[in-house]
N, C-alpha and C. Protein backbone atom coordinates (compact mmCIF):
# COMPACT_ATOMS: atom_id res chain seq x y z
N UNK A 1 40.64 -3.03 -21.50
CA UNK A 1 41.64 -2.01 -21.21
C UNK A 1 41.61 -1.68 -19.72
N UNK A 2 42.75 -1.74 -19.09
CA UNK A 2 42.83 -1.47 -17.66
C UNK A 2 42.74 0.02 -17.38
N UNK A 3 42.04 0.34 -16.31
CA UNK A 3 42.00 1.73 -15.86
C UNK A 3 43.20 1.96 -14.96
N UNK A 4 43.97 2.95 -15.26
CA UNK A 4 45.11 3.29 -14.42
C UNK A 4 44.84 4.69 -13.86
N UNK A 5 44.58 4.76 -12.57
CA UNK A 5 44.29 6.04 -11.94
C UNK A 5 45.55 6.86 -11.77
N UNK A 6 45.40 8.17 -11.89
CA UNK A 6 46.53 9.03 -11.56
C UNK A 6 46.85 8.81 -10.09
N UNK A 7 48.07 9.12 -9.71
CA UNK A 7 48.50 8.87 -8.33
C UNK A 7 47.64 9.60 -7.31
N UNK A 8 47.35 10.86 -7.56
CA UNK A 8 46.57 11.64 -6.59
C UNK A 8 45.15 11.10 -6.51
N UNK A 9 44.55 10.79 -7.64
CA UNK A 9 43.19 10.24 -7.63
C UNK A 9 43.16 8.91 -6.89
N UNK A 10 44.19 8.11 -7.09
CA UNK A 10 44.27 6.83 -6.40
C UNK A 10 44.34 7.06 -4.88
N UNK A 11 45.12 8.05 -4.45
CA UNK A 11 45.22 8.34 -3.02
C UNK A 11 43.90 8.91 -2.48
N UNK A 12 43.20 9.69 -3.28
CA UNK A 12 41.88 10.19 -2.86
C UNK A 12 40.96 9.01 -2.57
N UNK A 13 40.95 8.03 -3.46
CA UNK A 13 40.09 6.86 -3.27
C UNK A 13 40.50 6.05 -2.04
N UNK A 14 41.80 5.95 -1.79
CA UNK A 14 42.29 5.26 -0.59
C UNK A 14 41.77 5.98 0.65
N UNK A 15 41.88 7.31 0.65
CA UNK A 15 41.40 8.11 1.78
C UNK A 15 39.90 7.90 1.99
N UNK A 16 39.11 7.98 0.92
CA UNK A 16 37.66 7.82 1.04
C UNK A 16 37.31 6.46 1.63
N UNK A 17 37.99 5.43 1.16
CA UNK A 17 37.72 4.08 1.67
C UNK A 17 38.10 3.98 3.15
N UNK A 18 39.26 4.52 3.49
CA UNK A 18 39.73 4.46 4.89
C UNK A 18 38.76 5.18 5.83
N UNK A 19 38.22 6.30 5.37
CA UNK A 19 37.31 7.09 6.21
C UNK A 19 35.85 6.65 6.08
N UNK A 20 35.56 5.72 5.19
CA UNK A 20 34.19 5.26 5.01
C UNK A 20 33.30 6.31 4.37
N UNK A 21 33.88 7.14 3.52
CA UNK A 21 33.14 8.20 2.84
C UNK A 21 32.73 7.70 1.46
N UNK A 22 31.46 7.80 1.16
CA UNK A 22 30.97 7.38 -0.16
C UNK A 22 31.44 8.36 -1.22
N UNK A 23 31.74 7.82 -2.40
CA UNK A 23 32.21 8.67 -3.49
C UNK A 23 31.17 9.73 -3.83
N UNK A 24 29.90 9.37 -3.81
CA UNK A 24 28.85 10.33 -4.15
C UNK A 24 28.87 11.53 -3.20
N UNK A 25 29.13 11.27 -1.93
CA UNK A 25 29.22 12.36 -0.95
C UNK A 25 30.45 13.21 -1.24
N UNK A 26 31.57 12.56 -1.54
CA UNK A 26 32.79 13.27 -1.88
C UNK A 26 32.57 14.19 -3.08
N UNK A 27 31.95 13.66 -4.13
CA UNK A 27 31.72 14.47 -5.33
C UNK A 27 30.80 15.66 -5.02
N UNK A 28 29.80 15.42 -4.20
CA UNK A 28 28.86 16.48 -3.85
C UNK A 28 29.55 17.57 -3.02
N UNK A 29 30.32 17.16 -2.01
CA UNK A 29 30.97 18.12 -1.12
C UNK A 29 32.07 18.92 -1.81
N UNK A 30 32.78 18.29 -2.73
CA UNK A 30 33.90 18.98 -3.38
C UNK A 30 33.50 19.67 -4.67
N UNK A 31 32.39 19.25 -5.23
CA UNK A 31 31.99 19.81 -6.53
C UNK A 31 32.80 19.22 -7.68
N UNK A 32 33.58 18.19 -7.38
CA UNK A 32 34.36 17.51 -8.42
C UNK A 32 33.44 16.55 -9.15
N UNK A 33 33.51 16.57 -10.47
CA UNK A 33 32.65 15.72 -11.28
C UNK A 33 33.11 14.26 -11.19
N UNK A 34 32.16 13.34 -11.08
CA UNK A 34 32.52 11.91 -11.07
C UNK A 34 33.27 11.50 -12.34
N UNK A 35 33.08 12.25 -13.42
CA UNK A 35 33.76 11.90 -14.67
C UNK A 35 35.28 12.00 -14.54
N UNK A 36 35.77 12.74 -13.53
CA UNK A 36 37.21 12.81 -13.29
C UNK A 36 37.77 11.46 -12.85
N UNK A 37 36.90 10.57 -12.39
CA UNK A 37 37.33 9.27 -11.89
C UNK A 37 36.83 8.13 -12.79
N UNK A 38 36.39 8.47 -14.02
CA UNK A 38 35.87 7.48 -14.96
C UNK A 38 36.46 7.72 -16.35
N UNK A 39 36.39 6.69 -17.17
CA UNK A 39 36.76 6.83 -18.58
C UNK A 39 38.12 7.46 -18.79
N UNK A 40 38.18 8.38 -19.75
CA UNK A 40 39.46 9.03 -20.08
C UNK A 40 39.94 9.92 -18.94
N UNK A 41 39.00 10.46 -18.16
CA UNK A 41 39.35 11.34 -17.06
C UNK A 41 40.11 10.66 -15.95
N UNK A 42 40.06 9.35 -15.91
CA UNK A 42 40.68 8.60 -14.82
C UNK A 42 42.21 8.71 -14.84
N UNK A 43 42.78 8.92 -16.02
CA UNK A 43 44.24 8.96 -16.15
C UNK A 43 44.82 10.35 -15.92
N UNK A 44 43.98 11.38 -16.04
CA UNK A 44 44.50 12.75 -15.90
C UNK A 44 44.62 13.13 -14.43
N UNK A 45 45.56 14.02 -14.18
CA UNK A 45 45.74 14.50 -12.81
C UNK A 45 44.65 15.51 -12.46
N UNK A 46 44.37 15.64 -11.18
CA UNK A 46 43.44 16.66 -10.72
C UNK A 46 44.12 18.02 -10.79
N UNK A 47 43.36 19.04 -11.12
CA UNK A 47 43.91 20.39 -11.15
C UNK A 47 44.17 20.90 -9.74
N UNK A 48 45.02 21.91 -9.66
CA UNK A 48 45.37 22.49 -8.37
C UNK A 48 44.16 22.99 -7.61
N UNK A 49 43.17 23.56 -8.33
CA UNK A 49 41.98 24.07 -7.66
C UNK A 49 41.19 22.95 -7.00
N UNK A 50 41.16 21.80 -7.64
CA UNK A 50 40.43 20.66 -7.07
C UNK A 50 41.18 20.09 -5.86
N UNK A 51 42.50 20.07 -5.93
CA UNK A 51 43.31 19.59 -4.81
C UNK A 51 43.13 20.51 -3.61
N UNK A 52 43.13 21.81 -3.85
CA UNK A 52 42.92 22.77 -2.77
C UNK A 52 41.54 22.56 -2.16
N UNK A 53 40.53 22.34 -3.00
CA UNK A 53 39.17 22.11 -2.50
C UNK A 53 39.13 20.87 -1.61
N UNK A 54 39.77 19.80 -2.03
CA UNK A 54 39.82 18.56 -1.24
C UNK A 54 40.47 18.83 0.11
N UNK A 55 41.63 19.49 0.10
CA UNK A 55 42.36 19.74 1.34
C UNK A 55 41.63 20.72 2.25
N UNK A 56 40.81 21.59 1.68
CA UNK A 56 40.03 22.54 2.47
C UNK A 56 38.86 21.84 3.16
N UNK A 57 38.23 20.95 2.44
CA UNK A 57 37.06 20.25 3.00
C UNK A 57 37.48 19.12 3.93
N UNK A 58 38.46 18.34 3.52
CA UNK A 58 38.91 17.20 4.31
C UNK A 58 40.23 17.58 4.98
N UNK A 59 40.13 18.31 6.07
CA UNK A 59 41.29 18.89 6.75
C UNK A 59 42.20 17.85 7.39
N UNK A 60 41.71 16.63 7.54
CA UNK A 60 42.54 15.62 8.18
C UNK A 60 43.47 14.89 7.21
N UNK A 61 43.36 15.18 5.91
CA UNK A 61 44.28 14.58 4.93
C UNK A 61 45.63 15.27 5.05
N UNK A 62 46.66 14.48 5.08
CA UNK A 62 48.02 15.02 5.07
C UNK A 62 48.33 15.48 3.64
N UNK A 63 48.52 16.79 3.42
CA UNK A 63 48.77 17.28 2.06
C UNK A 63 49.98 16.64 1.38
N UNK A 64 51.04 16.40 2.15
CA UNK A 64 52.23 15.78 1.58
C UNK A 64 51.90 14.38 1.06
N UNK A 65 51.11 13.63 1.83
CA UNK A 65 50.73 12.29 1.40
C UNK A 65 49.87 12.35 0.14
N UNK A 66 48.92 13.27 0.12
CA UNK A 66 48.03 13.38 -1.04
C UNK A 66 48.82 13.69 -2.31
N UNK A 67 49.77 14.59 -2.22
CA UNK A 67 50.52 15.03 -3.40
C UNK A 67 51.64 14.08 -3.80
N UNK A 68 52.33 13.50 -2.80
CA UNK A 68 53.53 12.71 -3.11
C UNK A 68 53.43 11.25 -2.71
N UNK A 69 52.51 10.94 -1.82
CA UNK A 69 52.43 9.58 -1.30
C UNK A 69 53.35 9.33 -0.12
N UNK A 70 54.08 10.37 0.29
CA UNK A 70 55.00 10.23 1.42
C UNK A 70 54.33 10.64 2.72
N UNK A 71 54.71 9.98 3.79
CA UNK A 71 54.15 10.31 5.10
C UNK A 71 52.86 9.56 5.37
N UNK A 72 52.24 9.94 6.47
CA UNK A 72 50.98 9.31 6.87
C UNK A 72 49.82 9.88 6.07
N UNK A 73 48.81 9.07 5.88
CA UNK A 73 47.61 9.50 5.15
C UNK A 73 46.87 10.60 5.90
N UNK A 74 46.89 10.53 7.22
CA UNK A 74 46.13 11.46 8.05
C UNK A 74 47.06 12.40 8.80
N UNK A 75 46.56 13.58 9.06
CA UNK A 75 47.26 14.51 9.95
C UNK A 75 46.89 14.13 11.37
N UNK A 76 47.34 13.00 11.81
CA UNK A 76 46.94 12.48 13.11
C UNK A 76 47.31 13.40 14.25
N UNK A 77 48.41 14.08 14.11
CA UNK A 77 48.84 14.94 15.20
C UNK A 77 47.90 16.13 15.39
N UNK A 78 47.13 16.49 14.39
CA UNK A 78 46.22 17.63 14.51
C UNK A 78 44.81 17.18 14.83
N UNK A 79 44.20 16.41 13.94
CA UNK A 79 42.78 16.08 14.06
C UNK A 79 42.51 15.11 15.20
N UNK A 80 43.21 13.98 15.22
CA UNK A 80 42.89 12.97 16.23
C UNK A 80 43.20 13.45 17.63
N UNK A 81 44.26 14.27 17.80
CA UNK A 81 44.56 14.82 19.12
C UNK A 81 43.43 15.74 19.57
N UNK A 82 42.96 16.61 18.66
CA UNK A 82 41.86 17.50 19.00
C UNK A 82 40.60 16.73 19.39
N UNK A 83 40.29 15.69 18.64
CA UNK A 83 39.09 14.91 18.92
C UNK A 83 39.24 14.13 20.22
N UNK A 84 40.42 13.56 20.45
CA UNK A 84 40.65 12.84 21.70
C UNK A 84 40.51 13.78 22.89
N UNK A 85 41.11 14.96 22.79
CA UNK A 85 40.97 15.96 23.86
C UNK A 85 39.51 16.34 24.05
N UNK A 86 38.82 16.52 22.95
CA UNK A 86 37.40 16.91 23.00
C UNK A 86 36.55 15.84 23.68
N UNK A 87 36.80 14.59 23.37
CA UNK A 87 36.00 13.50 23.94
C UNK A 87 36.22 13.34 25.44
N UNK A 88 37.32 13.89 25.95
CA UNK A 88 37.61 13.79 27.37
C UNK A 88 37.02 14.97 28.14
N UNK A 89 36.38 15.90 27.46
CA UNK A 89 35.78 17.06 28.11
C UNK A 89 34.63 16.62 29.02
N UNK A 90 34.56 17.22 30.18
CA UNK A 90 33.46 16.97 31.10
C UNK A 90 32.24 17.82 30.73
N UNK A 91 32.49 19.01 30.19
CA UNK A 91 31.43 19.96 29.89
C UNK A 91 30.80 19.61 28.54
N UNK A 92 29.57 19.15 28.55
CA UNK A 92 28.88 18.75 27.33
C UNK A 92 28.69 19.94 26.39
N UNK A 93 28.61 21.16 26.94
CA UNK A 93 28.43 22.34 26.10
C UNK A 93 29.64 22.58 25.20
N UNK A 94 30.84 22.27 25.69
CA UNK A 94 32.05 22.40 24.88
C UNK A 94 31.97 21.42 23.71
N UNK A 95 31.55 20.20 23.99
CA UNK A 95 31.41 19.18 22.96
C UNK A 95 30.37 19.59 21.93
N UNK A 96 29.23 20.06 22.38
CA UNK A 96 28.16 20.46 21.45
C UNK A 96 28.61 21.63 20.58
N UNK A 97 29.27 22.62 21.18
CA UNK A 97 29.73 23.78 20.40
C UNK A 97 30.73 23.33 19.34
N UNK A 98 31.65 22.46 19.71
CA UNK A 98 32.64 21.98 18.75
C UNK A 98 31.96 21.21 17.63
N UNK A 99 30.97 20.39 17.98
CA UNK A 99 30.23 19.62 16.99
C UNK A 99 29.53 20.56 16.00
N UNK A 100 28.89 21.58 16.52
CA UNK A 100 28.19 22.53 15.65
C UNK A 100 29.15 23.29 14.75
N UNK A 101 30.30 23.67 15.28
CA UNK A 101 31.27 24.44 14.52
C UNK A 101 32.02 23.61 13.48
N UNK A 102 32.14 22.31 13.72
CA UNK A 102 32.97 21.45 12.87
C UNK A 102 32.22 20.22 12.41
N UNK A 103 30.95 20.33 12.14
CA UNK A 103 30.11 19.18 11.86
C UNK A 103 30.65 18.29 10.74
N UNK A 104 30.97 18.84 9.59
CA UNK A 104 31.41 18.02 8.46
C UNK A 104 32.67 17.24 8.81
N UNK A 105 33.65 17.93 9.36
CA UNK A 105 34.92 17.30 9.69
C UNK A 105 34.72 16.19 10.72
N UNK A 106 33.94 16.49 11.75
CA UNK A 106 33.75 15.50 12.81
C UNK A 106 32.99 14.27 12.35
N UNK A 107 31.93 14.48 11.63
CA UNK A 107 31.10 13.34 11.25
C UNK A 107 31.81 12.42 10.26
N UNK A 108 32.88 12.90 9.64
CA UNK A 108 33.67 12.05 8.75
C UNK A 108 34.68 11.22 9.54
N UNK A 109 34.89 11.57 10.78
CA UNK A 109 35.86 10.86 11.61
C UNK A 109 35.18 9.67 12.28
N UNK A 110 35.66 8.47 12.00
CA UNK A 110 35.02 7.26 12.51
C UNK A 110 35.01 7.19 14.03
N UNK A 111 36.08 7.62 14.66
CA UNK A 111 36.16 7.61 16.12
C UNK A 111 35.04 8.46 16.71
N UNK A 112 34.85 9.64 16.15
CA UNK A 112 33.83 10.54 16.67
C UNK A 112 32.44 9.98 16.40
N UNK A 113 32.22 9.42 15.19
CA UNK A 113 30.90 8.83 14.87
C UNK A 113 30.55 7.73 15.86
N UNK A 114 31.52 6.87 16.17
CA UNK A 114 31.28 5.79 17.13
C UNK A 114 30.97 6.36 18.51
N UNK A 115 31.66 7.41 18.89
CA UNK A 115 31.41 8.06 20.17
C UNK A 115 29.98 8.60 20.23
N UNK A 116 29.57 9.30 19.18
CA UNK A 116 28.21 9.87 19.12
C UNK A 116 27.17 8.75 19.13
N UNK A 117 27.37 7.71 18.33
CA UNK A 117 26.42 6.60 18.28
C UNK A 117 26.30 5.94 19.66
N UNK A 118 27.43 5.77 20.35
CA UNK A 118 27.41 5.19 21.69
C UNK A 118 26.65 6.06 22.67
N UNK A 119 26.86 7.37 22.59
CA UNK A 119 26.16 8.28 23.49
C UNK A 119 24.67 8.34 23.19
N UNK A 120 24.30 8.25 21.93
CA UNK A 120 22.87 8.21 21.59
C UNK A 120 22.24 6.98 22.20
N UNK A 121 22.92 5.86 22.11
CA UNK A 121 22.38 4.62 22.70
C UNK A 121 22.28 4.74 24.22
N UNK A 122 23.27 5.37 24.85
CA UNK A 122 23.21 5.58 26.30
C UNK A 122 22.02 6.46 26.68
N UNK A 123 21.77 7.50 25.90
CA UNK A 123 20.60 8.36 26.16
C UNK A 123 19.30 7.58 26.01
N UNK A 124 19.22 6.72 25.01
CA UNK A 124 18.03 5.90 24.81
C UNK A 124 17.83 4.97 26.01
N UNK A 125 18.92 4.37 26.47
CA UNK A 125 18.81 3.48 27.63
C UNK A 125 18.40 4.25 28.89
N UNK A 126 18.91 5.45 29.04
CA UNK A 126 18.54 6.29 30.19
C UNK A 126 17.05 6.62 30.15
N UNK A 127 16.53 6.93 28.95
CA UNK A 127 15.10 7.20 28.81
C UNK A 127 14.28 5.97 29.18
N UNK A 128 14.72 4.80 28.73
CA UNK A 128 14.02 3.56 29.07
C UNK A 128 14.04 3.33 30.58
N UNK A 129 15.19 3.59 31.20
CA UNK A 129 15.33 3.41 32.63
C UNK A 129 14.35 4.32 33.38
N UNK A 130 14.27 5.59 32.98
CA UNK A 130 13.35 6.53 33.62
C UNK A 130 11.91 6.05 33.45
N UNK A 131 11.58 5.58 32.27
CA UNK A 131 10.23 5.07 32.01
C UNK A 131 9.92 3.87 32.91
N UNK A 132 10.86 2.94 33.03
CA UNK A 132 10.66 1.77 33.89
C UNK A 132 10.55 2.18 35.36
N UNK A 133 11.34 3.16 35.77
CA UNK A 133 11.27 3.62 37.15
C UNK A 133 9.90 4.24 37.46
N UNK A 134 9.34 4.98 36.51
CA UNK A 134 8.00 5.54 36.69
C UNK A 134 6.96 4.44 36.82
N UNK A 135 7.09 3.43 35.98
CA UNK A 135 6.16 2.30 36.03
C UNK A 135 6.28 1.56 37.37
N UNK A 136 7.52 1.39 37.83
CA UNK A 136 7.74 0.73 39.12
C UNK A 136 7.12 1.54 40.25
N UNK A 137 7.25 2.85 40.19
CA UNK A 137 6.66 3.71 41.22
C UNK A 137 5.14 3.57 41.23
N UNK A 138 4.54 3.54 40.04
CA UNK A 138 3.09 3.36 39.95
C UNK A 138 2.67 2.02 40.55
N UNK A 139 3.44 0.97 40.24
CA UNK A 139 3.12 -0.35 40.78
C UNK A 139 3.25 -0.36 42.31
N UNK A 140 4.27 0.29 42.84
CA UNK A 140 4.45 0.37 44.29
C UNK A 140 3.27 1.07 44.94
N UNK A 141 2.81 2.15 44.32
CA UNK A 141 1.67 2.90 44.85
C UNK A 141 0.41 2.04 44.84
N UNK A 142 0.21 1.29 43.77
CA UNK A 142 -0.95 0.39 43.69
C UNK A 142 -0.88 -0.68 44.78
N UNK A 143 0.30 -1.26 44.96
CA UNK A 143 0.49 -2.30 45.99
C UNK A 143 0.24 -1.72 47.37
N UNK A 144 0.76 -0.52 47.64
CA UNK A 144 0.55 0.12 48.95
C UNK A 144 -0.93 0.39 49.21
N UNK A 145 -1.65 0.85 48.21
CA UNK A 145 -3.09 1.14 48.35
C UNK A 145 -3.86 -0.15 48.63
N UNK A 146 -3.50 -1.24 47.97
CA UNK A 146 -4.22 -2.50 48.14
C UNK A 146 -3.88 -3.16 49.47
N UNK A 147 -2.68 -2.87 50.00
CA UNK A 147 -2.30 -3.50 51.26
C UNK A 147 -2.88 -2.77 52.46
N UNK A 148 -3.47 -1.58 52.28
CA UNK A 148 -4.04 -0.83 53.41
C UNK A 148 -5.41 -1.30 53.76
């Protein structure tokens, strides 16, 4: 017997896949039972309370798309513009404050995750560079002492 997902549930799964969000995380964050996406529950529509919960937690979903399938999947004009503007900030404190205030939303955004991962790697390389520079300074001092 084929499983036929309700339209909204099908769009939820499309969104999760597009954003790289695991179903287990989605169920935990929304409080929606996995049984809604299995067995007999797979064919029933989500209740309004569950839809509101999804749209509250995942603010980048376009509500019109979720409910009707019309329009873009993402509210690109809101979320991606804010993140793009944020990533161009010179002041790291603005970035950190925004990250702290919007952690769940940001960490679900692939662009932001890649940005953070890249910056973490840059910090690691900077630490390595400082370490190598210290070692080089020690070697220079040893060479100077031996050449005297």
